[in-house]
Amino acid sequence: MYIMKKSLTFVGSLFLLGTMASFFVFHTIAGDRGILAQPELERKILIAEEQLALLEKHQSHLHHRISLMQNDAIDADMLAETARAELGLYSPNDVIVSIDMSELKF
């Protein structure tokens, strides 16, 4: 009886160990971050790097525009462009052409 109980405990422990090992091996190969998912993850990394490059380019453009509007060196053209776009301030000599973008067909 004691030997049978000991062998059942050993078999149960072996089964549990085998189940745990199978779980980890399966997820190492086919899990969300497993070996089979590597190409998809690398593709997502490339897309994120491209988006980062675009955002950095946009940020540098915005920093340049901000530097043009600093108190010590205000660019007159930049000031006029911002006043027209944001505040709707136009001089009497300006010609305004209004285009309805919804009617354009591409």
N, C-alpha and C. Protein backbone atom coordinates (compact mmCIF):
# COMPACT_ATOMS: atom_id res chain seq x y z
N MET A 1 0.81 -1.18 0.00
CA MET A 1 0.00 0.00 0.00
C MET A 1 0.87 1.26 0.00
N TYR A 2 1.89 1.29 0.88
CA TYR A 2 2.77 2.44 0.96
C TYR A 2 3.52 2.64 -0.36
N ILE A 3 3.98 1.54 -0.96
CA ILE A 3 4.72 1.60 -2.22
C ILE A 3 3.81 2.10 -3.33
N MET A 4 2.57 1.65 -3.35
CA MET A 4 1.62 2.08 -4.37
C MET A 4 1.32 3.58 -4.23
N LYS A 5 1.18 4.06 -3.00
CA LYS A 5 0.92 5.47 -2.77
C LYS A 5 2.12 6.32 -3.20
N LYS A 6 3.30 5.81 -2.92
CA LYS A 6 4.52 6.51 -3.29
C LYS A 6 4.67 6.56 -4.80
N SER A 7 4.35 5.47 -5.48
CA SER A 7 4.46 5.45 -6.93
C SER A 7 3.41 6.35 -7.58
N LEU A 8 2.20 6.41 -6.98
CA LEU A 8 1.17 7.32 -7.51
C LEU A 8 1.59 8.77 -7.32
N THR A 9 2.21 9.08 -6.22
CA THR A 9 2.70 10.44 -5.98
C THR A 9 3.79 10.77 -6.98
N PHE A 10 4.66 9.82 -7.26
CA PHE A 10 5.72 10.03 -8.23
C PHE A 10 5.15 10.22 -9.63
N VAL A 11 4.17 9.40 -10.00
CA VAL A 11 3.54 9.52 -11.32
C VAL A 11 2.80 10.85 -11.44
N GLY A 12 2.10 11.24 -10.38
CA GLY A 12 1.39 12.52 -10.37
C GLY A 12 2.36 13.69 -10.50
N SER A 13 3.48 13.61 -9.81
CA SER A 13 4.49 14.67 -9.89
C SER A 13 5.08 14.74 -11.29
N LEU A 14 5.34 13.58 -11.87
CA LEU A 14 5.87 13.54 -13.23
C LEU A 14 4.87 14.12 -14.22
N PHE A 15 3.58 13.78 -14.05
CA PHE A 15 2.54 14.31 -14.92
C PHE A 15 2.45 15.83 -14.81
N LEU A 16 2.50 16.33 -13.58
CA LEU A 16 2.45 17.77 -13.36
C LEU A 16 3.67 18.46 -13.98
N LEU A 17 4.84 17.89 -13.79
CA LEU A 17 6.05 18.45 -14.37
C LEU A 17 5.98 18.43 -15.89
N GLY A 18 5.50 17.33 -16.47
CA GLY A 18 5.36 17.24 -17.93
C GLY A 18 4.36 18.25 -18.47
N THR A 19 3.26 18.43 -17.76
CA THR A 19 2.24 19.39 -18.17
C THR A 19 2.79 20.82 -18.13
N MET A 20 3.51 21.14 -17.08
CA MET A 20 4.09 22.48 -16.97
C MET A 20 5.14 22.71 -18.06
N ALA A 21 5.97 21.72 -18.31
CA ALA A 21 6.99 21.85 -19.35
C ALA A 21 6.34 22.02 -20.72
N SER A 22 5.28 21.25 -20.98
CA SER A 22 4.56 21.37 -22.25
C SER A 22 3.96 22.76 -22.42
N PHE A 23 3.40 23.29 -21.36
CA PHE A 23 2.81 24.63 -21.39
C PHE A 23 3.85 25.66 -21.79
N PHE A 24 5.00 25.64 -21.12
CA PHE A 24 6.03 26.63 -21.40
C PHE A 24 6.64 26.46 -22.78
N VAL A 25 6.83 25.22 -23.23
CA VAL A 25 7.38 24.98 -24.57
C VAL A 25 6.40 25.48 -25.63
N PHE A 26 5.11 25.18 -25.43
CA PHE A 26 4.10 25.62 -26.40
C PHE A 26 4.09 27.14 -26.51
N HIS A 27 4.07 27.85 -25.38
CA HIS A 27 4.01 29.30 -25.43
C HIS A 27 5.33 29.93 -25.88
N THR A 28 6.43 29.24 -25.72
CA THR A 28 7.70 29.73 -26.25
C THR A 28 7.68 29.69 -27.78
N ILE A 29 7.02 28.70 -28.33
CA ILE A 29 6.98 28.56 -29.79
C ILE A 29 5.82 29.33 -30.39
N ALA A 30 4.60 29.13 -29.87
CA ALA A 30 3.40 29.66 -30.53
C ALA A 30 2.70 30.75 -29.76
N GLY A 31 3.29 31.28 -28.72
CA GLY A 31 2.64 32.32 -27.92
C GLY A 31 2.64 33.68 -28.61
N ASP A 32 2.08 34.68 -27.94
CA ASP A 32 2.01 36.03 -28.49
C ASP A 32 3.39 36.61 -28.79
N ARG A 33 4.37 36.23 -28.01
CA ARG A 33 5.73 36.72 -28.22
C ARG A 33 6.69 35.56 -28.50
N GLY A 34 6.15 34.49 -29.03
CA GLY A 34 6.94 33.30 -29.29
C GLY A 34 7.73 33.39 -30.58
N ILE A 35 8.35 32.27 -30.90
CA ILE A 35 9.21 32.20 -32.09
C ILE A 35 8.41 32.44 -33.36
N LEU A 36 7.20 31.89 -33.45
CA LEU A 36 6.40 32.05 -34.65
C LEU A 36 5.85 33.47 -34.81
N ALA A 37 5.79 34.23 -33.75
CA ALA A 37 5.27 35.60 -33.81
C ALA A 37 6.35 36.63 -34.12
N GLN A 38 7.60 36.23 -34.19
CA GLN A 38 8.70 37.16 -34.41
C GLN A 38 8.57 37.98 -35.68
N PRO A 39 8.24 37.39 -36.85
CA PRO A 39 8.13 38.21 -38.07
C PRO A 39 7.06 39.30 -37.94
N GLU A 40 5.94 38.98 -37.34
CA GLU A 40 4.87 39.97 -37.15
C GLU A 40 5.33 41.08 -36.20
N LEU A 41 6.02 40.71 -35.14
CA LEU A 41 6.53 41.72 -34.20
C LEU A 41 7.56 42.62 -34.87
N GLU A 42 8.42 42.05 -35.70
CA GLU A 42 9.43 42.85 -36.40
C GLU A 42 8.77 43.81 -37.38
N ARG A 43 7.67 43.35 -38.03
CA ARG A 43 6.93 44.22 -38.95
C ARG A 43 6.31 45.39 -38.19
N LYS A 44 5.75 45.10 -37.02
CA LYS A 44 5.17 46.17 -36.20
C LYS A 44 6.23 47.15 -35.74
N ILE A 45 7.42 46.66 -35.44
CA ILE A 45 8.52 47.53 -35.03
C ILE A 45 8.92 48.46 -36.17
N LEU A 46 9.00 47.93 -37.40
CA LEU A 46 9.34 48.76 -38.55
C LEU A 46 8.30 49.84 -38.78
N ILE A 47 7.03 49.50 -38.66
CA ILE A 47 5.96 50.48 -38.83
C ILE A 47 6.06 51.56 -37.76
N ALA A 48 6.31 51.15 -36.52
CA ALA A 48 6.44 52.12 -35.43
C ALA A 48 7.65 53.03 -35.64
N GLU A 49 8.75 52.49 -36.16
CA GLU A 49 9.93 53.31 -36.41
C GLU A 49 9.67 54.32 -37.52
N GLU A 50 8.90 53.92 -38.56
CA GLU A 50 8.54 54.85 -39.62
C GLU A 50 7.66 55.97 -39.08
N GLN A 51 6.70 55.62 -38.24
CA GLN A 51 5.84 56.63 -37.63
C GLN A 51 6.66 57.57 -36.74
N LEU A 52 7.61 57.02 -36.02
CA LEU A 52 8.48 57.84 -35.18
C LEU A 52 9.28 58.83 -36.02
N ALA A 53 9.81 58.37 -37.15
CA ALA A 53 10.57 59.27 -38.02
C ALA A 53 9.69 60.41 -38.54
N LEU A 54 8.45 60.09 -38.92
CA LEU A 54 7.53 61.14 -39.39
C LEU A 54 7.21 62.13 -38.28
N LEU A 55 6.98 61.62 -37.09
CA LEU A 55 6.67 62.50 -35.96
C LEU A 55 7.86 63.38 -35.58
N GLU A 56 9.06 62.82 -35.66
CA GLU A 56 10.25 63.62 -35.36
C GLU A 56 10.44 64.72 -36.40
N LYS A 57 10.14 64.40 -37.67
CA LYS A 57 10.24 65.40 -38.73
C LYS A 57 9.21 66.51 -38.49
N HIS A 58 8.00 66.13 -38.14
CA HIS A 58 6.95 67.11 -37.85
C HIS A 58 7.33 67.96 -36.63
N GLN A 59 7.90 67.33 -35.62
CA GLN A 59 8.31 68.06 -34.43
C GLN A 59 9.40 69.08 -34.76
N SER A 60 10.37 68.69 -35.58
CA SER A 60 11.43 69.64 -35.94
C SER A 60 10.85 70.80 -36.75
N HIS A 61 9.86 70.51 -37.61
CA HIS A 61 9.20 71.58 -38.36
C HIS A 61 8.49 72.54 -37.41
N LEU A 62 7.80 72.01 -36.40
CA LEU A 62 7.11 72.85 -35.42
C LEU A 62 8.10 73.66 -34.60
N HIS A 63 9.22 73.05 -34.22
CA HIS A 63 10.25 73.79 -33.47
C HIS A 63 10.80 74.95 -34.30
N HIS A 64 10.96 74.70 -35.60
CA HIS A 64 11.45 75.76 -36.49
C HIS A 64 10.45 76.91 -36.55
N ARG A 65 9.15 76.56 -36.68
CA ARG A 65 8.11 77.60 -36.73
C ARG A 65 8.05 78.38 -35.42
N ILE A 66 8.22 77.68 -34.32
CA ILE A 66 8.22 78.35 -33.01
C ILE A 66 9.41 79.28 -32.89
N SER A 67 10.56 78.85 -33.38
CA SER A 67 11.75 79.71 -33.30
C SER A 67 11.58 80.97 -34.14
N LEU A 68 10.80 80.87 -35.22
CA LEU A 68 10.55 82.07 -36.04
C LEU A 68 9.64 83.06 -35.35
N MET A 69 8.85 82.60 -34.38
CA MET A 69 7.91 83.48 -33.69
C MET A 69 8.40 83.89 -32.30
N GLN A 70 9.64 83.66 -31.99
CA GLN A 70 10.18 84.08 -30.70
C GLN A 70 10.25 85.60 -30.62
N ASN A 71 10.23 86.13 -29.43
CA ASN A 71 10.22 87.58 -29.23
C ASN A 71 11.43 88.28 -29.82
N ASP A 72 12.60 87.67 -29.71
CA ASP A 72 13.81 88.34 -30.17
C ASP A 72 13.96 88.35 -31.69
N ALA A 73 13.29 87.47 -32.39
CA ALA A 73 13.43 87.41 -33.85
C ALA A 73 12.11 87.03 -34.50
N ILE A 74 11.14 87.92 -34.46
CA ILE A 74 9.84 87.62 -35.07
C ILE A 74 9.95 87.83 -36.57
N ASP A 75 9.64 86.80 -37.32
CA ASP A 75 9.63 86.86 -38.77
C ASP A 75 8.29 87.49 -39.19
N ALA A 76 8.35 88.56 -39.96
CA ALA A 76 7.14 89.29 -40.35
C ALA A 76 6.21 88.41 -41.19
N ASP A 77 6.77 87.62 -42.08
CA ASP A 77 5.94 86.74 -42.91
C ASP A 77 5.24 85.68 -42.06
N MET A 78 5.96 85.13 -41.10
CA MET A 78 5.37 84.12 -40.23
C MET A 78 4.26 84.73 -39.39
N LEU A 79 4.47 85.93 -38.90
CA LEU A 79 3.46 86.61 -38.10
C LEU A 79 2.22 86.90 -38.94
N ALA A 80 2.40 87.36 -40.16
CA ALA A 80 1.26 87.65 -41.04
C ALA A 80 0.52 86.38 -41.40
N GLU A 81 1.25 85.30 -41.69
CA GLU A 81 0.61 84.03 -42.03
C GLU A 81 -0.20 83.49 -40.86
N THR A 82 0.34 83.57 -39.66
CA THR A 82 -0.37 83.09 -38.48
C THR A 82 -1.60 83.95 -38.20
N ALA A 83 -1.48 85.25 -38.35
CA ALA A 83 -2.61 86.15 -38.12
C ALA A 83 -3.74 85.85 -39.11
N ARG A 84 -3.38 85.59 -40.35
CA ARG A 84 -4.40 85.28 -41.35
C ARG A 84 -5.07 83.94 -41.07
N ALA A 85 -4.27 82.94 -40.77
CA ALA A 85 -4.82 81.59 -40.60
C ALA A 85 -5.60 81.43 -39.30
N GLU A 86 -5.08 81.95 -38.22
CA GLU A 86 -5.69 81.72 -36.91
C GLU A 86 -6.74 82.76 -36.54
N LEU A 87 -6.48 84.01 -36.88
CA LEU A 87 -7.36 85.09 -36.42
C LEU A 87 -8.29 85.62 -37.50
N GLY A 88 -8.03 85.25 -38.74
CA GLY A 88 -8.87 85.74 -39.82
C GLY A 88 -8.59 87.20 -40.15
N LEU A 89 -7.39 87.68 -39.88
CA LEU A 89 -7.04 89.07 -40.16
C LEU A 89 -6.42 89.16 -41.56
N TYR A 90 -7.06 89.94 -42.40
CA TYR A 90 -6.59 90.11 -43.77
C TYR A 90 -6.47 91.60 -44.06
N SER A 91 -5.53 91.92 -44.93
CA SER A 91 -5.40 93.32 -45.31
C SER A 91 -6.39 93.62 -46.43
N PRO A 92 -6.71 94.88 -46.67
CA PRO A 92 -7.69 95.22 -47.72
C PRO A 92 -7.22 94.82 -49.12
N ASN A 93 -5.92 94.66 -49.32
CA ASN A 93 -5.40 94.31 -50.64
C ASN A 93 -5.37 92.81 -50.89
N ASP A 94 -5.67 91.99 -49.89
CA ASP A 94 -5.63 90.54 -50.06
C ASP A 94 -6.81 90.06 -50.88
N VAL A 95 -6.56 89.07 -51.72
CA VAL A 95 -7.61 88.42 -52.50
C VAL A 95 -7.86 87.06 -51.85
N ILE A 96 -9.11 86.79 -51.50
CA ILE A 96 -9.46 85.55 -50.83
C ILE A 96 -10.20 84.66 -51.80
N VAL A 97 -9.70 83.45 -51.99
CA VAL A 97 -10.34 82.46 -52.85
C VAL A 97 -10.83 81.35 -51.94
N SER A 98 -12.13 81.14 -51.92
CA SER A 98 -12.73 80.11 -51.08
C SER A 98 -13.02 78.87 -51.91
N ILE A 99 -12.56 77.73 -51.46
CA ILE A 99 -12.76 76.47 -52.17
C ILE A 99 -13.51 75.52 -51.26
N ASP A 100 -14.61 74.98 -51.77
CA ASP A 100 -15.37 73.99 -51.02
C ASP A 100 -14.75 72.62 -51.29
N MET A 101 -14.06 72.06 -50.29
CA MET A 101 -13.33 70.80 -50.47
C MET A 101 -14.27 69.61 -50.70
N SER A 102 -15.52 69.72 -50.25
CA SER A 102 -16.44 68.59 -50.40
C SER A 102 -16.88 68.40 -51.84
N GLU A 103 -16.80 69.46 -52.66
CA GLU A 103 -17.22 69.36 -54.05
C GLU A 103 -16.11 68.87 -54.97
N LEU A 104 -14.89 68.85 -54.49
CA LEU A 104 -13.77 68.39 -55.30
C LEU A 104 -13.82 66.88 -55.46
N LYS A 105 -13.56 66.40 -56.67
CA LYS A 105 -13.55 64.96 -56.93
C LYS A 105 -12.16 64.57 -57.39
N PHE A 106 -11.63 63.59 -56.71
CA PHE A 106 -10.28 63.12 -57.06
C PHE A 106 -10.36 61.78 -57.71
